[in-house]
N, C-alpha and C. Protein backbone atom coordinates (compact mmCIF):
# COMPACT_ATOMS: atom_id res chain seq x y z
N UNK A 1 70.91 118.38 128.16
CA UNK A 1 71.23 118.07 129.54
C UNK A 1 70.12 118.61 130.44
N UNK A 2 69.89 117.90 131.51
CA UNK A 2 68.89 118.33 132.47
C UNK A 2 69.56 118.74 133.76
N UNK A 3 68.97 119.72 134.41
CA UNK A 3 69.48 120.16 135.70
C UNK A 3 68.98 119.18 136.77
N UNK A 4 69.43 119.37 138.00
CA UNK A 4 69.05 118.47 139.08
C UNK A 4 67.55 118.47 139.34
N UNK A 5 66.86 119.57 139.01
CA UNK A 5 65.41 119.62 139.22
C UNK A 5 64.63 119.12 138.00
N UNK A 6 65.35 118.58 136.98
CA UNK A 6 64.68 117.99 135.83
C UNK A 6 64.43 118.92 134.67
N UNK A 7 64.84 120.17 134.80
CA UNK A 7 64.64 121.15 133.72
C UNK A 7 65.80 121.09 132.73
N UNK A 8 65.49 121.45 131.49
CA UNK A 8 66.55 121.54 130.47
C UNK A 8 67.42 122.75 130.79
N UNK A 9 68.72 122.56 130.73
CA UNK A 9 69.64 123.67 130.95
C UNK A 9 69.73 124.52 129.68
N UNK A 10 69.66 125.82 129.84
CA UNK A 10 69.76 126.71 128.68
C UNK A 10 71.19 126.70 128.15
N UNK A 11 72.16 126.73 129.04
CA UNK A 11 73.57 126.68 128.67
C UNK A 11 74.18 125.45 129.36
N UNK A 12 74.09 124.28 128.74
CA UNK A 12 74.52 123.06 129.43
C UNK A 12 76.02 122.96 129.63
N UNK A 13 76.83 123.71 128.87
CA UNK A 13 78.27 123.65 129.01
C UNK A 13 78.80 125.02 129.36
N UNK A 14 79.68 125.07 130.36
CA UNK A 14 80.23 126.35 130.79
C UNK A 14 81.39 126.81 129.91
N UNK A 15 81.99 125.86 129.17
CA UNK A 15 83.11 126.24 128.32
C UNK A 15 83.18 125.31 127.12
N UNK A 16 83.95 125.70 126.14
CA UNK A 16 84.14 124.86 124.96
C UNK A 16 84.86 123.57 125.34
N UNK A 17 85.72 123.63 126.36
CA UNK A 17 86.42 122.42 126.82
C UNK A 17 85.43 121.39 127.37
N UNK A 18 84.42 121.86 128.12
CA UNK A 18 83.39 120.95 128.63
C UNK A 18 82.60 120.32 127.48
N UNK A 19 82.27 121.12 126.49
CA UNK A 19 81.55 120.61 125.33
C UNK A 19 82.36 119.54 124.61
N UNK A 20 83.63 119.82 124.36
CA UNK A 20 84.49 118.86 123.67
C UNK A 20 84.70 117.60 124.50
N UNK A 21 84.84 117.74 125.80
CA UNK A 21 85.00 116.56 126.67
C UNK A 21 83.76 115.67 126.62
N UNK A 22 82.59 116.29 126.55
CA UNK A 22 81.35 115.52 126.48
C UNK A 22 81.20 114.85 125.12
N UNK A 23 81.70 115.49 124.07
CA UNK A 23 81.54 114.95 122.71
C UNK A 23 82.54 113.84 122.39
N UNK A 24 83.69 113.82 123.00
CA UNK A 24 84.75 112.86 122.66
C UNK A 24 84.29 111.41 122.73
N UNK A 25 83.64 110.96 123.83
CA UNK A 25 83.21 109.56 123.87
C UNK A 25 82.21 109.20 122.77
N UNK A 26 81.33 110.14 122.45
CA UNK A 26 80.34 109.91 121.39
C UNK A 26 81.05 109.76 120.04
N UNK A 27 81.99 110.65 119.79
CA UNK A 27 82.73 110.59 118.53
C UNK A 27 83.60 109.35 118.42
N UNK A 28 84.22 108.93 119.53
CA UNK A 28 85.03 107.70 119.51
C UNK A 28 84.17 106.49 119.20
N UNK A 29 83.02 106.40 119.82
CA UNK A 29 82.11 105.28 119.56
C UNK A 29 81.64 105.30 118.11
N UNK A 30 81.30 106.46 117.62
CA UNK A 30 80.85 106.59 116.23
C UNK A 30 81.95 106.19 115.25
N UNK A 31 83.20 106.54 115.56
CA UNK A 31 84.31 106.22 114.67
C UNK A 31 84.54 104.72 114.58
N UNK A 32 84.24 103.99 115.65
CA UNK A 32 84.44 102.54 115.67
C UNK A 32 83.27 101.77 115.09
N UNK A 33 82.14 102.42 114.92
CA UNK A 33 80.92 101.76 114.44
C UNK A 33 80.98 101.55 112.92
N UNK A 34 80.51 100.39 112.45
CA UNK A 34 80.45 100.17 111.01
C UNK A 34 79.29 100.93 110.36
N UNK A 35 78.33 101.38 111.15
CA UNK A 35 77.18 102.11 110.64
C UNK A 35 77.52 103.58 110.44
N UNK A 36 77.01 104.20 109.39
CA UNK A 36 77.26 105.63 109.21
C UNK A 36 76.54 106.46 110.27
N UNK A 37 77.17 107.51 110.67
CA UNK A 37 76.60 108.43 111.66
C UNK A 37 76.37 109.76 110.95
N UNK A 38 75.14 110.25 110.99
CA UNK A 38 74.80 111.52 110.36
C UNK A 38 74.56 112.54 111.44
N UNK A 39 75.20 113.68 111.33
CA UNK A 39 74.95 114.76 112.26
C UNK A 39 75.18 116.08 111.54
N UNK A 40 74.66 117.12 112.12
CA UNK A 40 74.87 118.45 111.55
C UNK A 40 75.01 119.46 112.68
N UNK A 41 75.74 120.48 112.39
CA UNK A 41 75.89 121.59 113.34
C UNK A 41 75.02 122.71 112.80
N UNK A 42 74.13 123.17 113.66
CA UNK A 42 73.18 124.20 113.22
C UNK A 42 73.43 125.49 113.98
N UNK A 43 73.15 126.58 113.30
CA UNK A 43 73.29 127.88 113.96
C UNK A 43 72.09 128.13 114.86
N UNK A 44 72.30 128.96 115.85
CA UNK A 44 71.24 129.32 116.79
C UNK A 44 71.08 130.82 116.77
N UNK A 45 69.85 131.29 116.63
CA UNK A 45 69.56 132.71 116.69
C UNK A 45 69.31 133.07 118.16
N UNK A 46 70.32 133.61 118.82
CA UNK A 46 70.22 133.89 120.24
C UNK A 46 69.19 134.98 120.55
N UNK A 47 68.98 135.90 119.61
CA UNK A 47 67.97 136.93 119.83
C UNK A 47 66.58 136.29 119.92
N UNK A 48 66.30 135.32 119.07
CA UNK A 48 65.01 134.63 119.11
C UNK A 48 64.90 133.80 120.38
N UNK A 49 66.00 133.23 120.83
CA UNK A 49 65.99 132.42 122.04
C UNK A 49 65.63 133.28 123.25
N UNK A 50 66.20 134.46 123.33
CA UNK A 50 65.93 135.35 124.47
C UNK A 50 64.47 135.75 124.53
N UNK A 51 63.82 135.90 123.36
CA UNK A 51 62.42 136.30 123.32
C UNK A 51 61.50 135.22 123.86
N UNK A 52 61.94 133.96 123.79
CA UNK A 52 61.07 132.87 124.22
C UNK A 52 61.14 132.60 125.72
N UNK A 53 62.03 133.30 126.44
CA UNK A 53 62.16 133.07 127.88
C UNK A 53 61.72 134.25 128.66
């Protein structure tokens, strides 16, 4: 997600509910598609993230 000034947001969702609300339409579309959808959930090392900012 991008902020109003065009920058990438570090924390684009304020809550898990916002994240799930944003994901629902994507998942519904994927479920109706005849094509396979590949995705993965990856861990994030927050300590490394803090060092880069």
